[in-house]
């Protein structure tokens, strides 16, 4: 099965992940969830596998611009709602490689996954 890399085309971390995959000859499908959208079931699956704390991008501008009241008391369901409303709040990249889900980019993690 061909892995799918989810993210936003112009993100610097996405560019690094795509460059790594290309340099190592890993065929993949790219899904730009800012342009193509993302389904609730998919975000829920990522959250179920990795935890909402790993999937939501609290360091990003979109999250930081939220009013303080919206940033407090976040739980699984609230995090999913926020990420669906603003896909930029999903940490990038999300790599789905045949049921193995990796959040963020780490060359050593990718190397272990594709060795």
N, C-alpha and C. Protein backbone atom coordinates (compact mmCIF):
# COMPACT_ATOMS: atom_id res chain seq x y z
N UNK A 1 0.83 -1.18 0.00
CA UNK A 1 0.00 0.00 0.00
C UNK A 1 0.88 1.26 0.00
N UNK A 2 0.52 2.22 -0.81
CA UNK A 2 1.28 3.46 -0.90
C UNK A 2 0.96 4.36 0.30
N UNK A 3 1.99 4.81 1.01
CA UNK A 3 1.74 5.71 2.15
C UNK A 3 1.13 7.03 1.69
N UNK A 4 0.40 7.64 2.57
CA UNK A 4 -0.17 8.96 2.30
C UNK A 4 0.42 9.95 3.27
N UNK A 5 0.89 11.06 2.75
CA UNK A 5 1.43 12.14 3.54
C UNK A 5 0.40 13.27 3.54
N UNK A 6 -0.08 13.62 4.72
CA UNK A 6 -1.09 14.66 4.87
C UNK A 6 -0.44 15.91 5.42
N UNK A 7 -0.84 17.06 4.88
CA UNK A 7 -0.32 18.32 5.38
C UNK A 7 -0.72 19.47 4.49
N UNK A 8 0.10 20.50 4.53
CA UNK A 8 -0.11 21.73 3.76
C UNK A 8 1.13 21.92 2.88
N UNK A 9 0.89 22.13 1.61
CA UNK A 9 1.98 22.15 0.62
C UNK A 9 3.15 23.08 1.00
N UNK A 10 2.88 24.28 1.43
CA UNK A 10 3.95 25.27 1.63
C UNK A 10 4.60 25.25 3.01
N UNK A 11 4.22 24.34 3.86
CA UNK A 11 4.80 24.23 5.20
C UNK A 11 6.26 23.76 5.09
N UNK A 12 7.17 24.40 5.82
CA UNK A 12 8.59 24.03 5.77
C UNK A 12 8.83 22.59 6.22
N UNK A 13 8.14 22.17 7.27
CA UNK A 13 8.32 20.80 7.75
C UNK A 13 7.81 19.80 6.71
N UNK A 14 6.73 20.16 6.03
CA UNK A 14 6.22 19.31 4.96
C UNK A 14 7.26 19.18 3.85
N UNK A 15 7.90 20.27 3.51
CA UNK A 15 8.92 20.25 2.46
C UNK A 15 10.06 19.32 2.84
N UNK A 16 10.45 19.33 4.11
CA UNK A 16 11.52 18.44 4.58
C UNK A 16 11.10 16.98 4.48
N UNK A 17 9.87 16.69 4.90
CA UNK A 17 9.37 15.31 4.86
C UNK A 17 9.28 14.82 3.42
N UNK A 18 8.75 15.65 2.54
CA UNK A 18 8.63 15.26 1.14
C UNK A 18 10.01 15.06 0.50
N UNK A 19 10.94 15.94 0.83
CA UNK A 19 12.30 15.81 0.30
C UNK A 19 12.94 14.51 0.79
N UNK A 20 12.73 14.16 2.07
CA UNK A 20 13.29 12.92 2.60
C UNK A 20 12.70 11.72 1.87
N UNK A 21 11.38 11.69 1.72
CA UNK A 21 10.73 10.58 1.02
C UNK A 21 11.23 10.47 -0.41
N UNK A 22 11.33 11.60 -1.10
CA UNK A 22 11.81 11.60 -2.48
C UNK A 22 13.25 11.10 -2.56
N UNK A 23 14.12 11.59 -1.67
CA UNK A 23 15.53 11.21 -1.69
C UNK A 23 15.73 9.73 -1.39
N UNK A 24 14.80 9.13 -0.64
CA UNK A 24 14.93 7.71 -0.28
C UNK A 24 14.06 6.81 -1.16
N UNK A 25 13.54 7.37 -2.23
CA UNK A 25 12.80 6.57 -3.19
C UNK A 25 11.49 5.98 -2.67
N UNK A 26 10.89 6.64 -1.70
CA UNK A 26 9.62 6.16 -1.15
C UNK A 26 8.48 6.79 -1.95
N UNK A 27 7.71 5.95 -2.61
CA UNK A 27 6.54 6.44 -3.34
C UNK A 27 5.44 6.74 -2.31
N UNK A 28 4.77 7.85 -2.49
CA UNK A 28 3.72 8.25 -1.55
C UNK A 28 2.70 9.10 -2.28
N UNK A 29 1.56 9.22 -1.66
CA UNK A 29 0.51 10.11 -2.15
C UNK A 29 0.47 11.30 -1.20
N UNK A 30 0.34 12.50 -1.76
CA UNK A 30 0.27 13.71 -0.94
C UNK A 30 -1.17 14.23 -0.91
N UNK A 31 -1.65 14.51 0.28
CA UNK A 31 -3.00 15.06 0.46
C UNK A 31 -2.87 16.39 1.20
N UNK A 32 -3.16 17.47 0.50
CA UNK A 32 -3.12 18.81 1.09
C UNK A 32 -4.47 19.07 1.75
N UNK A 33 -4.54 18.92 3.07
CA UNK A 33 -5.83 19.02 3.73
C UNK A 33 -6.33 20.45 3.85
N UNK A 34 -5.50 21.40 3.56
CA UNK A 34 -5.99 22.77 3.53
C UNK A 34 -6.76 23.01 2.22
N UNK A 35 -6.29 22.40 1.14
CA UNK A 35 -6.95 22.55 -0.16
C UNK A 35 -8.04 21.50 -0.38
N UNK A 36 -7.79 20.28 0.04
CA UNK A 36 -8.69 19.17 -0.24
C UNK A 36 -9.62 18.84 0.92
N UNK A 37 -9.37 19.44 2.06
CA UNK A 37 -10.17 19.13 3.24
C UNK A 37 -9.71 17.86 3.92
N UNK A 38 -10.34 17.59 5.06
CA UNK A 38 -10.03 16.39 5.82
C UNK A 38 -11.31 15.92 6.50
N UNK A 39 -11.55 14.64 6.48
CA UNK A 39 -12.78 14.09 7.04
C UNK A 39 -12.64 13.84 8.53
N UNK A 40 -13.76 14.00 9.22
CA UNK A 40 -13.81 13.78 10.67
C UNK A 40 -13.27 12.39 11.03
N UNK A 41 -13.69 11.37 10.29
CA UNK A 41 -13.28 10.00 10.61
C UNK A 41 -11.75 9.85 10.55
N UNK A 42 -11.12 10.54 9.64
CA UNK A 42 -9.67 10.47 9.51
C UNK A 42 -8.98 11.13 10.70
N UNK A 43 -9.43 12.33 11.06
CA UNK A 43 -8.85 13.02 12.22
C UNK A 43 -9.09 12.20 13.49
N UNK A 44 -10.27 11.63 13.63
CA UNK A 44 -10.55 10.79 14.80
C UNK A 44 -9.62 9.58 14.84
N UNK A 45 -9.35 8.99 13.68
CA UNK A 45 -8.43 7.85 13.63
C UNK A 45 -7.02 8.25 14.06
N UNK A 46 -6.56 9.41 13.60
CA UNK A 46 -5.23 9.89 14.02
C UNK A 46 -5.20 10.12 15.53
N UNK A 47 -6.24 10.74 16.04
CA UNK A 47 -6.31 11.02 17.47
C UNK A 47 -6.36 9.72 18.26
N UNK A 48 -7.11 8.74 17.78
CA UNK A 48 -7.19 7.45 18.46
C UNK A 48 -5.84 6.74 18.48
N UNK A 49 -5.06 6.89 17.42
CA UNK A 49 -3.76 6.21 17.33
C UNK A 49 -2.65 6.96 18.07
N UNK A 50 -2.66 8.29 17.97
CA UNK A 50 -1.53 9.07 18.50
C UNK A 50 -1.89 9.94 19.71
N UNK A 51 -3.18 10.13 19.97
CA UNK A 51 -3.60 11.02 21.05
C UNK A 51 -3.80 12.43 20.53
N UNK A 52 -4.84 13.09 20.99
CA UNK A 52 -5.14 14.43 20.48
C UNK A 52 -4.02 15.42 20.78
N UNK A 53 -3.33 15.21 21.89
CA UNK A 53 -2.25 16.13 22.27
C UNK A 53 -1.12 16.12 21.25
N UNK A 54 -0.91 14.98 20.59
CA UNK A 54 0.14 14.87 19.57
C UNK A 54 -0.33 15.42 18.23
N UNK A 55 -1.61 15.34 17.96
CA UNK A 55 -2.13 15.72 16.64
C UNK A 55 -2.38 17.22 16.53
N UNK A 56 -2.81 17.86 17.60
CA UNK A 56 -3.09 19.30 17.52
C UNK A 56 -1.78 20.08 17.61
N UNK A 57 -1.66 21.08 16.77
CA UNK A 57 -0.45 21.90 16.70
C UNK A 57 -0.62 23.15 17.57
N UNK A 58 -0.25 23.03 18.82
CA UNK A 58 -0.38 24.16 19.75
C UNK A 58 0.67 25.24 19.51
N UNK A 59 1.73 24.90 18.81
CA UNK A 59 2.80 25.87 18.56
C UNK A 59 2.51 26.76 17.35
N UNK A 60 1.54 26.38 16.56
CA UNK A 60 1.26 27.11 15.33
C UNK A 60 0.52 28.41 15.57
N UNK A 61 0.62 29.28 14.59
CA UNK A 61 -0.02 30.60 14.65
C UNK A 61 -1.53 30.50 14.80
N UNK A 62 -2.14 29.57 14.09
CA UNK A 62 -3.60 29.45 14.12
C UNK A 62 -4.08 29.15 15.54
N UNK A 63 -3.41 28.24 16.23
CA UNK A 63 -3.81 27.92 17.60
C UNK A 63 -3.52 29.10 18.53
N UNK A 64 -2.35 29.69 18.38
CA UNK A 64 -1.98 30.80 19.27
C UNK A 64 -2.91 32.00 19.14
N UNK A 65 -3.52 32.17 17.96
CA UNK A 65 -4.43 33.30 17.76
C UNK A 65 -5.82 33.07 18.34
N UNK A 66 -6.10 31.85 18.78
CA UNK A 66 -7.40 31.58 19.39
C UNK A 66 -7.57 32.40 20.66
N UNK A 67 -8.78 32.83 20.96
CA UNK A 67 -9.02 33.48 22.24
C UNK A 67 -8.67 32.51 23.38
N UNK A 68 -8.17 33.04 24.49
CA UNK A 68 -7.76 32.20 25.61
C UNK A 68 -8.88 31.25 26.05
N UNK A 69 -10.11 31.70 26.00
CA UNK A 69 -11.23 30.87 26.43
C UNK A 69 -11.35 29.60 25.58
N UNK A 70 -10.96 29.69 24.30
CA UNK A 70 -11.04 28.52 23.42
C UNK A 70 -9.85 27.58 23.59
N UNK A 71 -8.75 28.08 24.17
CA UNK A 71 -7.56 27.27 24.35
C UNK A 71 -7.58 26.48 25.66
N UNK A 72 -8.45 26.83 26.56
CA UNK A 72 -8.48 26.15 27.86
C UNK A 72 -9.55 25.06 27.85
N UNK A 73 -9.31 24.05 28.63
CA UNK A 73 -10.28 22.98 28.77
C UNK A 73 -10.45 22.12 27.54
N UNK A 74 -9.40 22.02 26.74
CA UNK A 74 -9.50 21.21 25.53
C UNK A 74 -9.44 19.73 25.90
N UNK A 75 -10.35 18.97 25.32
CA UNK A 75 -10.34 17.53 25.44
C UNK A 75 -10.35 16.93 24.04
N UNK A 76 -10.48 15.64 23.94
CA UNK A 76 -10.43 14.95 22.64
C UNK A 76 -11.45 15.53 21.66
N UNK A 77 -12.70 15.62 22.07
CA UNK A 77 -13.74 16.07 21.15
C UNK A 77 -13.56 17.53 20.75
N UNK A 78 -13.18 18.37 21.70
CA UNK A 78 -12.96 19.79 21.40
C UNK A 78 -11.77 19.96 20.45
N UNK A 79 -10.71 19.18 20.68
CA UNK A 79 -9.54 19.25 19.81
C UNK A 79 -9.90 18.86 18.37
N UNK A 80 -10.69 17.80 18.23
CA UNK A 80 -11.11 17.37 16.89
C UNK A 80 -11.95 18.45 16.22
N UNK A 81 -12.86 19.05 16.96
CA UNK A 81 -13.69 20.13 16.41
C UNK A 81 -12.83 21.30 15.95
N UNK A 82 -11.84 21.68 16.76
CA UNK A 82 -10.94 22.78 16.38
C UNK A 82 -10.16 22.45 15.12
N UNK A 83 -9.62 21.23 15.04
CA UNK A 83 -8.81 20.84 13.89
C UNK A 83 -9.64 20.76 12.61
N UNK A 84 -10.88 20.31 12.73
CA UNK A 84 -11.74 20.25 11.54
C UNK A 84 -12.13 21.65 11.07
N UNK A 85 -12.35 22.56 12.02
CA UNK A 85 -12.71 23.93 11.66
C UNK A 85 -11.52 24.69 11.07
N UNK A 86 -10.33 24.38 11.56
CA UNK A 86 -9.10 25.04 11.11
C UNK A 86 -8.03 23.97 10.87
N UNK A 87 -7.98 23.37 9.70
CA UNK A 87 -7.01 22.29 9.44
C UNK A 87 -5.56 22.70 9.69
N UNK A 88 -5.26 23.99 9.71
CA UNK A 88 -3.90 24.43 10.01
C UNK A 88 -3.49 24.06 11.43
N UNK A 89 -4.46 23.71 12.27
CA UNK A 89 -4.16 23.31 13.64
C UNK A 89 -3.72 21.86 13.75
N UNK A 90 -3.73 21.13 12.63
CA UNK A 90 -3.24 19.75 12.64
C UNK A 90 -1.73 19.80 12.48
N UNK A 91 -1.03 19.13 13.41
CA UNK A 91 0.42 19.10 13.33
C UNK A 91 0.84 18.44 12.03
N UNK A 92 1.90 18.94 11.45
CA UNK A 92 2.35 18.45 10.15
C UNK A 92 3.76 17.88 10.23
N UNK A 93 3.98 16.90 9.35
CA UNK A 93 3.03 16.16 8.55
C UNK A 93 2.40 15.02 9.34
N UNK A 94 1.35 14.46 8.77
CA UNK A 94 0.79 13.20 9.26
C UNK A 94 1.07 12.19 8.16
N UNK A 95 1.78 11.15 8.52
CA UNK A 95 2.13 10.09 7.57
C UNK A 95 1.37 8.83 7.94
N UNK A 96 0.57 8.34 7.02
CA UNK A 96 -0.16 7.09 7.21
C UNK A 96 0.46 6.07 6.27
N UNK A 97 1.17 5.12 6.86
CA UNK A 97 1.87 4.10 6.07
C UNK A 97 1.29 2.73 6.42
N UNK A 98 0.17 2.41 5.82
CA UNK A 98 -0.43 1.11 6.04
C UNK A 98 -0.84 0.85 7.47
N UNK A 99 -1.46 1.83 8.08
CA UNK A 99 -1.90 1.68 9.46
C UNK A 99 -0.92 2.23 10.47
N UNK A 100 0.30 2.43 10.09
CA UNK A 100 1.28 3.08 10.95
C UNK A 100 1.13 4.59 10.76
N UNK A 101 0.86 5.31 11.82
CA UNK A 101 0.68 6.75 11.72
C UNK A 101 1.80 7.44 12.48
N UNK A 102 2.44 8.37 11.80
CA UNK A 102 3.51 9.18 12.40
C UNK A 102 3.11 10.64 12.30
N UNK A 103 3.20 11.34 13.40
CA UNK A 103 2.85 12.76 13.46
C UNK A 103 4.15 13.55 13.57
N UNK A 104 4.31 14.55 12.70
CA UNK A 104 5.55 15.33 12.69
C UNK A 104 6.59 14.62 11.84
N UNK A 105 7.71 15.30 11.63
CA UNK A 105 8.77 14.72 10.80
C UNK A 105 10.03 14.55 11.62
N UNK A 106 10.55 13.33 11.58
CA UNK A 106 11.84 13.01 12.19
C UNK A 106 12.52 12.02 11.25
N UNK A 107 13.68 12.40 10.70
CA UNK A 107 14.35 11.53 9.73
C UNK A 107 14.61 10.12 10.27
N UNK A 108 14.98 9.98 11.53
CA UNK A 108 15.26 8.66 12.09
C UNK A 108 13.99 7.80 12.15
N UNK A 109 12.88 8.43 12.48
CA UNK A 109 11.60 7.71 12.53
C UNK A 109 11.21 7.23 11.14
N UNK A 110 11.37 8.10 10.14
CA UNK A 110 11.04 7.72 8.77
C UNK A 110 11.97 6.60 8.31
N UNK A 111 13.25 6.70 8.65
CA UNK A 111 14.21 5.67 8.24
C UNK A 111 13.84 4.31 8.84
N UNK A 112 13.45 4.30 10.10
CA UNK A 112 13.06 3.04 10.74
C UNK A 112 11.79 2.47 10.10
N UNK A 113 10.87 3.33 9.76
CA UNK A 113 9.60 2.92 9.17
C UNK A 113 9.79 2.33 7.77
N UNK A 114 10.70 2.90 7.00
CA UNK A 114 10.87 2.50 5.61
C UNK A 114 12.12 1.67 5.34
N UNK A 115 12.75 1.16 6.38
CA UNK A 115 13.97 0.36 6.17
C UNK A 115 13.65 -1.03 5.71
